[in-house]
Amino acid sequence: MSTFESTAKKPVNLSLSEALVQESRAYCGNLSAKVEEMLQAYVVSERHSRQQHREQAQRVVSDWNALHDAAGSYADGHATL
């Protein structure tokens, strides 16, 4: 997670429920730091999830290509060209 720590801070506008913000202040003193921490965890999780999806898709493509190389295509027996 250290990839985010060295970057400069940028102010952004968020629209959050006023009641949620008020209650969250009872649990954390620095709301910006907490939101940043949670957003960072989300980004890392999404990055990992998407990488797993890409790897799974690549395995499926490789398996399909191996099947095609071994058995050919069903359509090969029905080609009209």
C-alpha atoms as a PDB file:
ATOM      1  CA  MET A   1       0.000   0.000   0.000  1.00  0.00           C
ATOM      2  CA  SER A   2       3.001   2.288   0.100  1.00  0.00           C
ATOM      3  CA  THR A   3       2.470   3.359  -3.513  1.00  0.00           C
ATOM      4  CA  PHE A   4      -0.095   5.915  -2.382  1.00  0.00           C
ATOM      5  CA  GLU A   5       1.776   7.298   0.620  1.00  0.00           C
ATOM      6  CA  SER A   6       4.388   9.235  -1.347  1.00  0.00           C
ATOM      7  CA  THR A   7       1.901  11.107  -3.532  1.00  0.00           C
ATOM      8  CA  ALA A   8       0.895  14.699  -2.903  1.00  0.00           C
ATOM      9  CA  LYS A   9      -2.462  15.411  -1.300  1.00  0.00           C
ATOM     10  CA  LYS A  10      -5.215  17.001  -3.368  1.00  0.00           C
ATOM     11  CA  PRO A  11      -8.372  18.499  -1.931  1.00  0.00           C
ATOM     12  CA  VAL A  12     -11.566  16.991  -3.357  1.00  0.00           C
ATOM     13  CA  ASN A  13     -15.252  17.549  -2.805  1.00  0.00           C
ATOM     14  CA  LEU A  14     -17.372  14.670  -1.548  1.00  0.00           C
ATOM     15  CA  SER A  15     -21.072  14.617  -0.873  1.00  0.00           C
ATOM     16  CA  LEU A  16     -21.710  12.616   2.274  1.00  0.00           C
ATOM     17  CA  SER A  17     -24.688  12.269   4.542  1.00  0.00           C
ATOM     18  CA  GLU A  18     -24.469  14.920   7.254  1.00  0.00           C
ATOM     19  CA  ALA A  19     -25.674  12.463   9.887  1.00  0.00           C
ATOM     20  CA  LEU A  20     -23.040   9.940   8.839  1.00  0.00           C
ATOM     21  CA  VAL A  21     -20.286  12.543   9.016  1.00  0.00           C
ATOM     22  CA  GLN A  22     -21.423  13.680  12.465  1.00  0.00           C
ATOM     23  CA  GLU A  23     -21.550  10.144  13.835  1.00  0.00           C
ATOM     24  CA  SER A  24     -18.225   9.180  12.241  1.00  0.00           C
ATOM     25  CA  ARG A  25     -16.495  12.006  14.094  1.00  0.00           C
ATOM     26  CA  ALA A  26     -17.239  10.134  17.321  1.00  0.00           C
ATOM     27  CA  TYR A  27     -15.200   7.189  16.032  1.00  0.00           C
ATOM     28  CA  CYS A  28     -12.300   8.896  14.311  1.00  0.00           C
ATOM     29  CA  GLY A  29     -10.713  12.268  14.785  1.00  0.00           C
ATOM     30  CA  ASN A  30      -9.389  12.676  11.260  1.00  0.00           C
ATOM     31  CA  LEU A  31     -12.152  11.853   8.792  1.00  0.00           C
ATOM     32  CA  SER A  32      -9.966  12.627   5.766  1.00  0.00           C
ATOM     33  CA  ALA A  33      -7.304  10.167   6.905  1.00  0.00           C
ATOM     34  CA  LYS A  34      -9.905   7.486   7.573  1.00  0.00           C
ATOM     35  CA  VAL A  35     -11.575   7.938   4.173  1.00  0.00           C
ATOM     36  CA  GLU A  36      -8.158   7.859   2.490  1.00  0.00           C
ATOM     37  CA  GLU A  37      -7.247   4.665   4.351  1.00  0.00           C
ATOM     38  CA  MET A  38     -10.517   2.999   3.353  1.00  0.00           C
ATOM     39  CA  LEU A  39     -10.272   4.187  -0.263  1.00  0.00           C
ATOM     40  CA  GLN A  40      -6.703   2.930  -0.482  1.00  0.00           C
ATOM     41  CA  ALA A  41      -7.790  -0.510   0.775  1.00  0.00           C
ATOM     42  CA  TYR A  42     -10.609  -0.525  -1.781  1.00  0.00           C
ATOM     43  CA  VAL A  43      -8.285   0.372  -4.659  1.00  0.00           C
ATOM     44  CA  VAL A  44      -5.798  -2.333  -3.672  1.00  0.00           C
ATOM     45  CA  SER A  45      -8.619  -4.868  -3.405  1.00  0.00           C
ATOM     46  CA  GLU A  46     -10.050  -3.894  -6.813  1.00  0.00           C
ATOM     47  CA  ARG A  47      -6.615  -4.026  -8.416  1.00  0.00           C
ATOM     48  CA  HIS A  48      -6.082  -7.524  -7.020  1.00  0.00           C
ATOM     49  CA  SER A  49      -9.574  -8.644  -8.097  1.00  0.00           C
ATOM     50  CA  ARG A  50      -9.117  -7.361 -11.634  1.00  0.00           C
ATOM     51  CA  GLN A  51      -5.699  -8.995 -11.904  1.00  0.00           C
ATOM     52  CA  GLN A  52      -7.223 -12.311 -10.830  1.00  0.00           C
ATOM     53  CA  HIS A  53      -9.977 -11.876 -13.422  1.00  0.00           C
ATOM     54  CA  ARG A  54      -7.414 -11.211 -16.172  1.00  0.00           C
ATOM     55  CA  GLU A  55      -5.420 -14.284 -15.132  1.00  0.00           C
ATOM     56  CA  GLN A  56      -8.564 -16.432 -15.080  1.00  0.00           C
ATOM     57  CA  ALA A  57      -9.569 -15.180 -18.528  1.00  0.00           C
ATOM     58  CA  GLN A  58      -6.092 -15.960 -19.863  1.00  0.00           C
ATOM     59  CA  ARG A  59      -6.298 -19.500 -18.455  1.00  0.00           C
ATOM     60  CA  VAL A  60      -9.688 -19.986 -20.128  1.00  0.00           C
ATOM     61  CA  VAL A  61      -8.318 -18.750 -23.463  1.00  0.00           C
ATOM     62  CA  SER A  62      -5.311 -21.062 -23.161  1.00  0.00           C
ATOM     63  CA  ASP A  63      -7.516 -24.043 -22.277  1.00  0.00           C
ATOM     64  CA  TRP A  64      -9.913 -23.295 -25.137  1.00  0.00           C
ATOM     65  CA  ASN A  65      -7.031 -22.986 -27.603  1.00  0.00           C
ATOM     66  CA  ALA A  66      -5.581 -26.297 -26.384  1.00  0.00           C
ATOM     67  CA  LEU A  67      -8.970 -27.979 -26.834  1.00  0.00           C
ATOM     68  CA  HIS A  68      -9.309 -26.527 -30.316  1.00  0.00           C
ATOM     69  CA  ASP A  69      -5.800 -27.673 -31.247  1.00  0.00           C
ATOM     70  CA  ALA A  70      -6.511 -31.192 -29.955  1.00  0.00           C
ATOM     71  CA  ALA A  71     -10.051 -31.719 -31.213  1.00  0.00           C
ATOM     72  CA  GLY A  72     -10.621 -29.096 -33.861  1.00  0.00           C
ATOM     73  CA  SER A  73     -13.857 -27.216 -34.203  1.00  0.00           C
ATOM     74  CA  TYR A  74     -17.359 -28.657 -34.520  1.00  0.00           C
ATOM     75  CA  ALA A  75     -17.888 -26.259 -37.406  1.00  0.00           C
ATOM     76  CA  ASP A  76     -14.989 -27.786 -39.350  1.00  0.00           C
ATOM     77  CA  GLY A  77     -17.197 -30.701 -40.365  1.00  0.00           C
ATOM     78  CA  HIS A  78     -19.941 -28.397 -41.595  1.00  0.00           C
ATOM     79  CA  ALA A  79     -18.000 -25.789 -43.542  1.00  0.00           C
ATOM     80  CA  THR A  80     -19.574 -24.894 -46.876  1.00  0.00           C
ATOM     81  CA  LEU A  81     -16.540 -23.078 -48.235  1.00  0.00           C
END
